Amino acid sequence: VQWIIPIQGVWFVQSMDGTRVELNPGDALLSEDVGAK
């Protein structure tokens, strides 16, 4: 499990269900997709 925070630039993440988000500096993501199949 990890917290990811962009501090420069624009970063994207897409989940298996097709949802895609772009994160800007200061946005936060809790990445807990441990155990995905």
PDB file of all heavy atoms in Angstrom:
ATOM      1  N   VAL A   1       0.866  -1.179   0.000  1.00  0.00           N
ATOM      2  CA  VAL A   1       0.000   0.000   0.000  1.00  0.00           C
ATOM      3  C   VAL A   1       0.902   1.228   0.000  1.00  0.00           C
ATOM      4  O   VAL A   1       1.911   1.279   0.708  1.00  0.00           O
ATOM      5  CB  VAL A   1      -0.918  -0.001   1.242  1.00  0.00           C
ATOM      6  CG1 VAL A   1      -1.693   1.295   1.352  1.00  0.00           C
ATOM      7  CG2 VAL A   1      -1.872  -1.199   1.195  1.00  0.00           C
ATOM      8  N   GLN A   2       0.540   2.216  -0.820  1.00  0.00           N
ATOM      9  CA  GLN A   2       1.373   3.413  -0.905  1.00  0.00           C
ATOM     10  C   GLN A   2       0.527   4.644  -1.210  1.00  0.00           C
ATOM     11  O   GLN A   2      -0.521   4.541  -1.830  1.00  0.00           O
ATOM     12  CB  GLN A   2       2.467   3.238  -1.947  1.00  0.00           C
ATOM     13  CG  GLN A   2       1.997   2.803  -3.304  1.00  0.00           C
ATOM     14  CD  GLN A   2       3.137   2.349  -4.217  1.00  0.00           C
ATOM     15  OE1 GLN A   2       4.276   2.221  -3.817  1.00  0.00           O
ATOM     16  NE2 GLN A   2       2.809   2.117  -5.470  1.00  0.00           N
ATOM     17  N   TRP A   3       1.008   5.788  -0.752  1.00  0.00           N
ATOM     18  CA  TRP A   3       0.438   7.081  -1.102  1.00  0.00           C
ATOM     19  C   TRP A   3       1.346   7.695  -2.144  1.00  0.00           C
ATOM     20  O   TRP A   3       2.574   7.707  -1.984  1.00  0.00           O
ATOM     21  CB  TRP A   3       0.368   7.999   0.123  1.00  0.00           C
ATOM     22  CG  TRP A   3      -0.776   7.678   1.032  1.00  0.00           C
ATOM     23  CD1 TRP A   3      -0.743   6.842   2.118  1.00  0.00           C
ATOM     24  CD2 TRP A   3      -2.101   8.181   0.949  1.00  0.00           C
ATOM     25  NE1 TRP A   3      -1.982   6.793   2.694  1.00  0.00           N
ATOM     26  CE2 TRP A   3      -2.836   7.618   2.000  1.00  0.00           C
ATOM     27  CE3 TRP A   3      -2.737   9.057   0.076  1.00  0.00           C
ATOM     28  CZ2 TRP A   3      -4.170   7.893   2.215  1.00  0.00           C
ATOM     29  CZ3 TRP A   3      -4.073   9.338   0.294  1.00  0.00           C
ATOM     30  CH2 TRP A   3      -4.780   8.759   1.348  1.00  0.00           C
ATOM     31  N   ILE A   4       0.757   8.217  -3.221  1.00  0.00           N
ATOM     32  CA  ILE A   4       1.518   8.845  -4.301  1.00  0.00           C
ATOM     33  C   ILE A   4       1.003  10.270  -4.475  1.00  0.00           C
ATOM     34  O   ILE A   4      -0.209  10.485  -4.652  1.00  0.00           O
ATOM     35  CB  ILE A   4       1.370   8.054  -5.614  1.00  0.00           C
ATOM     36  CG1 ILE A   4       1.823   6.601  -5.408  1.00  0.00           C
ATOM     37  CG2 ILE A   4       2.145   8.733  -6.742  1.00  0.00           C
ATOM     38  CD1 ILE A   4       1.537   5.681  -6.578  1.00  0.00           C
ATOM     39  N   ILE A   5       1.934  11.229  -4.448  1.00  0.00           N
ATOM     40  CA  ILE A   5       1.586  12.639  -4.612  1.00  0.00           C
ATOM     41  C   ILE A   5       2.497  13.249  -5.674  1.00  0.00           C
ATOM     42  O   ILE A   5       3.711  13.328  -5.463  1.00  0.00           O
ATOM     43  CB  ILE A   5       1.722  13.401  -3.281  1.00  0.00           C
ATOM     44  CG1 ILE A   5       0.796  12.773  -2.236  1.00  0.00           C
ATOM     45  CG2 ILE A   5       1.417  14.892  -3.481  1.00  0.00           C
ATOM     46  CD1 ILE A   5       0.962  13.313  -0.848  1.00  0.00           C
ATOM     47  N   PRO A   6       1.930  13.661  -6.818  1.00  0.00           N
ATOM     48  CA  PRO A   6       2.749  14.373  -7.799  1.00  0.00           C
ATOM     49  C   PRO A   6       3.216  15.715  -7.205  1.00  0.00           C
ATOM     50  O   PRO A   6       2.425  16.418  -6.566  1.00  0.00           O
ATOM     51  CB  PRO A   6       1.797  14.612  -8.973  1.00  0.00           C
ATOM     52  CG  PRO A   6       0.684  13.634  -8.791  1.00  0.00           C
ATOM     53  CD  PRO A   6       0.566  13.441  -7.311  1.00  0.00           C
ATOM     54  N   ILE A   7       4.483  16.029  -7.423  1.00  0.00           N
ATOM     55  CA  ILE A   7       4.999  17.331  -6.975  1.00  0.00           C
ATOM     56  C   ILE A   7       5.445  18.185  -8.156  1.00  0.00           C
ATOM     57  O   ILE A   7       5.724  19.364  -7.992  1.00  0.00           O
ATOM     58  CB  ILE A   7       6.129  17.177  -5.927  1.00  0.00           C
ATOM     59  CG1 ILE A   7       7.262  16.301  -6.452  1.00  0.00           C
ATOM     60  CG2 ILE A   7       5.578  16.623  -4.624  1.00  0.00           C
ATOM     61  CD1 ILE A   7       8.446  16.178  -5.505  1.00  0.00           C
ATOM     62  N   GLN A   8       5.480  17.580  -9.345  1.00  0.00           N
ATOM     63  CA  GLN A   8       5.817  18.313 -10.570  1.00  0.00           C
ATOM     64  C   GLN A   8       5.207  17.563 -11.745  1.00  0.00           C
ATOM     65  O   GLN A   8       5.287  16.339 -11.822  1.00  0.00           O
ATOM     66  CB  GLN A   8       7.338  18.370 -10.730  1.00  0.00           C
ATOM     67  CG  GLN A   8       7.823  18.957 -12.038  1.00  0.00           C
ATOM     68  CD  GLN A   8       9.332  18.807 -12.183  1.00  0.00           C
ATOM     69  OE1 GLN A   8      10.063  18.893 -11.212  1.00  0.00           O
ATOM     70  NE2 GLN A   8       9.782  18.567 -13.398  1.00  0.00           N
ATOM     71  N   GLY A   9       4.594  18.274 -12.666  1.00  0.00           N
ATOM     72  CA  GLY A   9       4.038  17.654 -13.866  1.00  0.00           C
ATOM     73  C   GLY A   9       2.673  17.022 -13.641  1.00  0.00           C
ATOM     74  O   GLY A   9       2.115  17.071 -12.548  1.00  0.00           O
ATOM     75  N   VAL A  10       2.133  16.435 -14.701  1.00  0.00           N
ATOM     76  CA  VAL A  10       0.822  15.785 -14.654  1.00  0.00           C
ATOM     77  C   VAL A  10       1.026  14.290 -14.883  1.00  0.00           C
ATOM     78  O   VAL A  10       1.644  13.875 -15.859  1.00  0.00           O
ATOM     79  CB  VAL A  10      -0.127  16.368 -15.723  1.00  0.00           C
ATOM     80  CG1 VAL A  10      -1.498  15.683 -15.662  1.00  0.00           C
ATOM     81  CG2 VAL A  10      -0.277  17.877 -15.536  1.00  0.00           C
ATOM     82  N   TRP A  11       0.492  13.484 -13.974  1.00  0.00           N
ATOM     83  CA  TRP A  11       0.649  12.035 -13.974  1.00  0.00           C
ATOM     84  C   TRP A  11      -0.735  11.414 -14.086  1.00  0.00           C
ATOM     85  O   TRP A  11      -1.702  11.938 -13.527  1.00  0.00           O
ATOM     86  CB  TRP A  11       1.328  11.645 -12.663  1.00  0.00           C
ATOM     87  CG  TRP A  11       1.601  10.205 -12.445  1.00  0.00           C
ATOM     88  CD1 TRP A  11       2.532   9.437 -13.078  1.00  0.00           C
ATOM     89  CD2 TRP A  11       0.983   9.354 -11.478  1.00  0.00           C
ATOM     90  NE1 TRP A  11       2.526   8.150 -12.568  1.00  0.00           N
ATOM     91  CE2 TRP A  11       1.584   8.085 -11.573  1.00  0.00           C
ATOM     92  CE3 TRP A  11      -0.016   9.533 -10.534  1.00  0.00           C
ATOM     93  CZ2 TRP A  11       1.213   7.011 -10.778  1.00  0.00           C
ATOM     94  CZ3 TRP A  11      -0.382   8.476  -9.731  1.00  0.00           C
ATOM     95  CH2 TRP A  11       0.237   7.231  -9.863  1.00  0.00           C
ATOM     96  N   PHE A  12      -0.859  10.305 -14.816  1.00  0.00           N
ATOM     97  CA  PHE A  12      -2.167   9.657 -14.908  1.00  0.00           C
ATOM     98  C   PHE A  12      -2.094   8.252 -14.309  1.00  0.00           C
ATOM     99  O   PHE A  12      -1.035   7.637 -14.229  1.00  0.00           O
ATOM    100  CB  PHE A  12      -2.670   9.583 -16.363  1.00  0.00           C
ATOM    101  CG  PHE A  12      -2.095   8.446 -17.161  1.00  0.00           C
ATOM    102  CD1 PHE A  12      -2.713   7.196 -17.176  1.00  0.00           C
ATOM    103  CD2 PHE A  12      -0.938   8.618 -17.907  1.00  0.00           C
ATOM    104  CE1 PHE A  12      -2.180   6.148 -17.917  1.00  0.00           C
ATOM    105  CE2 PHE A  12      -0.400   7.575 -18.652  1.00  0.00           C
ATOM    106  CZ  PHE A  12      -1.021   6.330 -18.650  1.00  0.00           C
ATOM    107  N   VAL A  13      -3.260   7.785 -13.897  1.00  0.00           N
ATOM    108  CA  VAL A  13      -3.409   6.401 -13.453  1.00  0.00           C
ATOM    109  C   VAL A  13      -4.745   5.900 -13.993  1.00  0.00           C
ATOM    110  O   VAL A  13      -5.717   6.646 -14.037  1.00  0.00           O
ATOM    111  CB  VAL A  13      -3.307   6.269 -11.907  1.00  0.00           C
ATOM    112  CG1 VAL A  13      -4.418   7.009 -11.208  1.00  0.00           C
ATOM    113  CG2 VAL A  13      -3.285   4.815 -11.474  1.00  0.00           C
ATOM    114  N   GLN A  14      -4.751   4.646 -14.456  1.00  0.00           N
ATOM    115  CA  GLN A  14      -5.968   4.024 -14.977  1.00  0.00           C
ATOM    116  C   GLN A  14      -6.156   2.692 -14.281  1.00  0.00           C
ATOM    117  O   GLN A  14      -5.222   1.889 -14.199  1.00  0.00           O
ATOM    118  CB  GLN A  14      -5.856   3.814 -16.485  1.00  0.00           C
ATOM    119  CG  GLN A  14      -7.094   3.172 -17.094  1.00  0.00           C
ATOM    120  CD  GLN A  14      -7.002   3.032 -18.600  1.00  0.00           C
ATOM    121  OE1 GLN A  14      -6.337   3.823 -19.257  1.00  0.00           O
ATOM    122  NE2 GLN A  14      -7.671   2.026 -19.136  1.00  0.00           N
ATOM    123  N   SER A  15      -7.370   2.458 -13.785  1.00  0.00           N
ATOM    124  CA  SER A  15      -7.666   1.190 -13.124  1.00  0.00           C
ATOM    125  C   SER A  15      -8.197   0.180 -14.130  1.00  0.00           C
ATOM    126  O   SER A  15      -8.525   0.516 -15.273  1.00  0.00           O
ATOM    127  CB  SER A  15      -8.672   1.410 -11.985  1.00  0.00           C
ATOM    128  OG  SER A  15      -9.869   1.978 -12.485  1.00  0.00           O
ATOM    129  N   MET A  16      -8.301  -1.047 -13.699  1.00  0.00           N
ATOM    130  CA  MET A  16      -8.740  -2.137 -14.572  1.00  0.00           C
ATOM    131  C   MET A  16     -10.179  -1.968 -15.051  1.00  0.00           C
ATOM    132  O   MET A  16     -10.545  -2.492 -16.100  1.00  0.00           O
ATOM    133  CB  MET A  16      -8.572  -3.475 -13.853  1.00  0.00           C
ATOM    134  CG  MET A  16      -7.117  -3.836 -13.589  1.00  0.00           C
ATOM    135  SD  MET A  16      -6.933  -5.243 -12.466  1.00  0.00           S
ATOM    136  CE  MET A  16      -7.651  -6.567 -13.444  1.00  0.00           C
ATOM    137  N   ASP A  17     -11.005  -1.230 -14.292  1.00  0.00           N
ATOM    138  CA  ASP A  17     -12.394  -1.017 -14.722  1.00  0.00           C
ATOM    139  C   ASP A  17     -12.511   0.053 -15.799  1.00  0.00           C
ATOM    140  O   ASP A  17     -13.592   0.378 -16.251  1.00  0.00           O
ATOM    141  CB  ASP A  17     -13.299  -0.704 -13.526  1.00  0.00           C
ATOM    142  CG  ASP A  17     -13.028   0.665 -12.896  1.00  0.00           C
ATOM    143  OD1 ASP A  17     -12.172   1.425 -13.405  1.00  0.00           O
ATOM    144  OD2 ASP A  17     -13.674   0.973 -11.883  1.00  0.00           O
ATOM    145  N   GLY A  18     -11.361   0.633 -16.224  1.00  0.00           N
ATOM    146  CA  GLY A  18     -11.341   1.624 -17.290  1.00  0.00           C
ATOM    147  C   GLY A  18     -11.318   3.067 -16.826  1.00  0.00           C
ATOM    148  O   GLY A  18     -11.142   3.977 -17.633  1.00  0.00           O
ATOM    149  N   THR A  19     -11.502   3.318 -15.530  1.00  0.00           N
ATOM    150  CA  THR A  19     -11.469   4.677 -15.018  1.00  0.00           C
ATOM    151  C   THR A  19     -10.044   5.222 -15.111  1.00  0.00           C
ATOM    152  O   THR A  19      -9.095   4.560 -14.706  1.00  0.00           O
ATOM    153  CB  THR A  19     -11.950   4.731 -13.552  1.00  0.00           C
ATOM    154  OG1 THR A  19     -13.240   4.119 -13.465  1.00  0.00           O
ATOM    155  CG2 THR A  19     -12.018   6.161 -13.044  1.00  0.00           C
ATOM    156  N   ARG A  20      -9.922   6.433 -15.635  1.00  0.00           N
ATOM    157  CA  ARG A  20      -8.610   7.071 -15.784  1.00  0.00           C
ATOM    158  C   ARG A  20      -8.695   8.467 -15.199  1.00  0.00           C
ATOM    159  O   ARG A  20      -9.635   9.212 -15.487  1.00  0.00           O
ATOM    160  CB  ARG A  20      -8.220   7.162 -17.256  1.00  0.00           C
ATOM    161  CG  ARG A  20      -6.845   7.765 -17.473  1.00  0.00           C
ATOM    162  CD  ARG A  20      -6.496   7.781 -18.956  1.00  0.00           C
ATOM    163  NE  ARG A  20      -5.094   8.101 -19.131  1.00  0.00           N
ATOM    164  CZ  ARG A  20      -4.644   9.232 -19.663  1.00  0.00           C
ATOM    165  NH1 ARG A  20      -5.474  10.138 -20.083  1.00  0.00           N
ATOM    166  NH2 ARG A  20      -3.359   9.446 -19.782  1.00  0.00           N
ATOM    167  N   VAL A  21      -7.721   8.823 -14.363  1.00  0.00           N
ATOM    168  CA  VAL A  21      -7.668  10.164 -13.789  1.00  0.00           C
ATOM    169  C   VAL A  21      -6.275  10.737 -13.995  1.00  0.00           C
ATOM    170  O   VAL A  21      -5.292  10.001 -14.088  1.00  0.00           O
ATOM    171  CB  VAL A  21      -8.037  10.183 -12.284  1.00  0.00           C
ATOM    172  CG1 VAL A  21      -9.473   9.733 -12.082  1.00  0.00           C
ATOM    173  CG2 VAL A  21      -7.099   9.341 -11.465  1.00  0.00           C
ATOM    174  N   GLU A  22      -6.224  12.061 -14.084  1.00  0.00           N
ATOM    175  CA  GLU A  22      -4.963  12.775 -14.150  1.00  0.00           C
ATOM    176  C   GLU A  22      -4.777  13.506 -12.833  1.00  0.00           C
ATOM    177  O   GLU A  22      -5.699  14.148 -12.337  1.00  0.00           O
ATOM    178  CB  GLU A  22      -4.956  13.751 -15.323  1.00  0.00           C
ATOM    179  CG  GLU A  22      -4.968  13.044 -16.658  1.00  0.00           C
ATOM    180  CD  GLU A  22      -4.869  13.983 -17.854  1.00  0.00           C
ATOM    181  OE1 GLU A  22      -4.816  15.224 -17.670  1.00  0.00           O
ATOM    182  OE2 GLU A  22      -4.839  13.477 -18.991  1.00  0.00           O
ATOM    183  N   LEU A  23      -3.581  13.385 -12.281  1.00  0.00           N
ATOM    184  CA  LEU A  23      -3.272  14.025 -11.011  1.00  0.00           C
ATOM    185  C   LEU A  23      -2.244  15.131 -11.242  1.00  0.00           C
ATOM    186  O   LEU A  23      -1.236  14.915 -11.914  1.00  0.00           O
ATOM    187  CB  LEU A  23      -2.741  13.000 -10.010  1.00  0.00           C
ATOM    188  CG  LEU A  23      -3.804  12.031  -9.505  1.00  0.00           C
ATOM    189  CD1 LEU A  23      -3.797  10.769 -10.327  1.00  0.00           C
ATOM    190  CD2 LEU A  23      -3.568  11.710  -8.056  1.00  0.00           C
ATOM    191  N   ASN A  24      -2.531  16.283 -10.682  1.00  0.00           N
ATOM    192  CA  ASN A  24      -1.670  17.453 -10.755  1.00  0.00           C
ATOM    193  C   ASN A  24      -0.866  17.576  -9.466  1.00  0.00           C
ATOM    194  O   ASN A  24      -1.185  16.909  -8.468  1.00  0.00           O
ATOM    195  CB  ASN A  24      -2.521  18.706 -10.965  1.00  0.00           C
ATOM    196  CG  ASN A  24      -3.204  18.696 -12.310  1.00  0.00           C
ATOM    197  OD1 ASN A  24      -2.541  18.800 -13.335  1.00  0.00           O
ATOM    198  ND2 ASN A  24      -4.530  18.552 -12.317  1.00  0.00           N
ATOM    199  N   PRO A  25       0.148  18.432  -9.438  1.00  0.00           N
ATOM    200  CA  PRO A  25       0.913  18.606  -8.200  1.00  0.00           C
ATOM    201  C   PRO A  25       0.002  18.897  -7.014  1.00  0.00           C
ATOM    202  O   PRO A  25      -0.903  19.730  -7.098  1.00  0.00           O
ATOM    203  CB  PRO A  25       1.823  19.797  -8.520  1.00  0.00           C
ATOM    204  CG  PRO A  25       2.043  19.686  -9.997  1.00  0.00           C
ATOM    205  CD  PRO A  25       0.698  19.233 -10.534  1.00  0.00           C
ATOM    206  N   GLY A  26       0.206  18.158  -5.951  1.00  0.00           N
ATOM    207  CA  GLY A  26      -0.587  18.305  -4.734  1.00  0.00           C
ATOM    208  C   GLY A  26      -1.769  17.350  -4.640  1.00  0.00           C
ATOM    209  O   GLY A  26      -2.330  17.179  -3.563  1.00  0.00           O
ATOM    210  N   ASP A  27      -2.188  16.738  -5.750  1.00  0.00           N
ATOM    211  CA  ASP A  27      -3.247  15.723  -5.680  1.00  0.00           C
ATOM    212  C   ASP A  27      -2.674  14.482  -5.004  1.00  0.00           C
ATOM    213  O   ASP A  27      -1.461  14.293  -4.961  1.00  0.00           O
ATOM    214  CB  ASP A  27      -3.747  15.349  -7.079  1.00  0.00           C
ATOM    215  CG  ASP A  27      -4.543  16.461  -7.751  1.00  0.00           C
ATOM    216  OD1 ASP A  27      -5.055  17.341  -7.041  1.00  0.00           O
ATOM    217  OD2 ASP A  27      -4.633  16.442  -8.993  1.00  0.00           O
ATOM    218  N   ALA A  28      -3.530  13.629  -4.489  1.00  0.00           N
ATOM    219  CA  ALA A  28      -3.060  12.428  -3.781  1.00  0.00           C
ATOM    220  C   ALA A  28      -3.802  11.190  -4.261  1.00  0.00           C
ATOM    221  O   ALA A  28      -4.991  11.245  -4.572  1.00  0.00           O
ATOM    222  CB  ALA A  28      -3.257  12.599  -2.275  1.00  0.00           C
ATOM    223  N   LEU A  29      -3.064  10.084  -4.298  1.00  0.00           N
ATOM    224  CA  LEU A  29      -3.625   8.785  -4.662  1.00  0.00           C
ATOM    225  C   LEU A  29      -3.213   7.767  -3.615  1.00  0.00           C
ATOM    226  O   LEU A  29      -2.030   7.643  -3.298  1.00  0.00           O
ATOM    227  CB  LEU A  29      -3.095   8.327  -6.031  1.00  0.00           C
ATOM    228  CG  LEU A  29      -3.464   6.888  -6.418  1.00  0.00           C
ATOM    229  CD1 LEU A  29      -4.881   6.844  -6.986  1.00  0.00           C
ATOM    230  CD2 LEU A  29      -2.486   6.322  -7.415  1.00  0.00           C
ATOM    231  N   LEU A  30      -4.193   7.048  -3.075  1.00  0.00           N
ATOM    232  CA  LEU A  30      -3.918   5.906  -2.212  1.00  0.00           C
ATOM    233  C   LEU A  30      -3.913   4.687  -3.120  1.00  0.00           C
ATOM    234  O   LEU A  30      -4.948   4.281  -3.646  1.00  0.00           O
ATOM    235  CB  LEU A  30      -4.984   5.770  -1.127  1.00  0.00           C
ATOM    236  CG  LEU A  30      -4.906   4.525  -0.250  1.00  0.00           C
ATOM    237  CD1 LEU A  30      -3.553   4.417   0.447  1.00  0.00           C
ATOM    238  CD2 LEU A  30      -6.040   4.520   0.759  1.00  0.00           C
ATOM    239  N   SER A  31      -2.732   4.128  -3.356  1.00  0.00           N
ATOM    240  CA  SER A  31      -2.590   2.975  -4.248  1.00  0.00           C
ATOM    241  C   SER A  31      -2.618   1.711  -3.401  1.00  0.00           C
ATOM    242  O   SER A  31      -1.628   1.333  -2.788  1.00  0.00           O
ATOM    243  CB  SER A  31      -1.283   3.079  -5.039  1.00  0.00           C
ATOM    244  OG  SER A  31      -1.164   2.000  -5.927  1.00  0.00           O
ATOM    245  N   GLU A  32      -3.785   1.100  -3.345  1.00  0.00           N
ATOM    246  CA  GLU A  32      -3.932  -0.121  -2.557  1.00  0.00           C
ATOM    247  C   GLU A  32      -4.487  -1.254  -3.420  1.00  0.00           C
ATOM    248  O   GLU A  32      -5.226  -2.108  -2.951  1.00  0.00           O
ATOM    249  CB  GLU A  32      -4.788   0.126  -1.308  1.00  0.00           C
ATOM    250  CG  GLU A  32      -6.166   0.675  -1.555  1.00  0.00           C
ATOM    251  CD  GLU A  32      -7.000   0.769  -0.295  1.00  0.00           C
ATOM    252  OE1 GLU A  32      -6.644   0.168   0.734  1.00  0.00           O
ATOM    253  OE2 GLU A  32      -8.033   1.440  -0.347  1.00  0.00           O
ATOM    254  N   ASP A  33      -4.073  -1.258  -4.699  1.00  0.00           N
ATOM    255  CA  ASP A  33      -4.516  -2.321  -5.608  1.00  0.00           C
ATOM    256  C   ASP A  33      -3.600  -3.539  -5.517  1.00  0.00           C
ATOM    257  O   ASP A  33      -3.429  -4.286  -6.471  1.00  0.00           O
ATOM    258  CB  ASP A  33      -4.679  -1.813  -7.039  1.00  0.00           C
ATOM    259  CG  ASP A  33      -3.465  -1.088  -7.599  1.00  0.00           C
ATOM    260  OD1 ASP A  33      -2.692  -0.531  -6.812  1.00  0.00           O
ATOM    261  OD2 ASP A  33      -3.302  -1.066  -8.820  1.00  0.00           O
ATOM    262  N   VAL A  34      -3.054  -3.743  -4.330  1.00  0.00           N
ATOM    263  CA  VAL A  34      -2.262  -4.934  -4.021  1.00  0.00           C
ATOM    264  C   VAL A  34      -3.187  -6.146  -4.150  1.00  0.00           C
ATOM    265  O   VAL A  34      -4.327  -6.106  -3.715  1.00  0.00           O
ATOM    266  CB  VAL A  34      -1.703  -4.842  -2.575  1.00  0.00           C
ATOM    267  CG1 VAL A  34      -0.933  -6.085  -2.211  1.00  0.00           C
ATOM    268  CG2 VAL A  34      -0.857  -3.589  -2.407  1.00  0.00           C
ATOM    269  N   GLY A  35      -2.724  -7.195  -4.744  1.00  0.00           N
ATOM    270  CA  GLY A  35      -3.548  -8.401  -4.868  1.00  0.00           C
ATOM    271  C   GLY A  35      -4.461  -8.407  -6.082  1.00  0.00           C
ATOM    272  O   GLY A  35      -5.337  -9.262  -6.186  1.00  0.00           O
ATOM    273  N   ALA A  36      -4.254  -7.449  -6.984  1.00  0.00           N
ATOM    274  CA  ALA A  36      -5.061  -7.461  -8.208  1.00  0.00           C
ATOM    275  C   ALA A  36      -4.747  -8.724  -9.009  1.00  0.00           C
ATOM    276  O   ALA A  36      -3.654  -9.286  -8.914  1.00  0.00           O
ATOM    277  CB  ALA A  36      -4.749  -6.218  -9.040  1.00  0.00           C
ATOM    278  N   LYS A  37      -5.734  -9.183  -9.786  1.00  0.00           N
ATOM    279  CA  LYS A  37      -5.566 -10.387 -10.610  1.00  0.00           C
ATOM    280  C   LYS A  37      -5.679 -10.007 -12.079  1.00  0.00           C
ATOM    281  O   LYS A  37      -6.537  -9.193 -12.449  1.00  0.00           O
ATOM    282  CB  LYS A  37      -6.627 -11.423 -10.245  1.00  0.00           C
ATOM    283  CG  LYS A  37      -6.499 -11.888  -8.800  1.00  0.00           C
ATOM    284  CD  LYS A  37      -7.614 -12.826  -8.429  1.00  0.00           C
ATOM    285  CE  LYS A  37      -7.463 -13.196  -6.964  1.00  0.00           C
ATOM    286  NZ  LYS A  37      -8.702 -13.617  -6.353  1.00  0.00           N
TER     287      LYS A  37
END
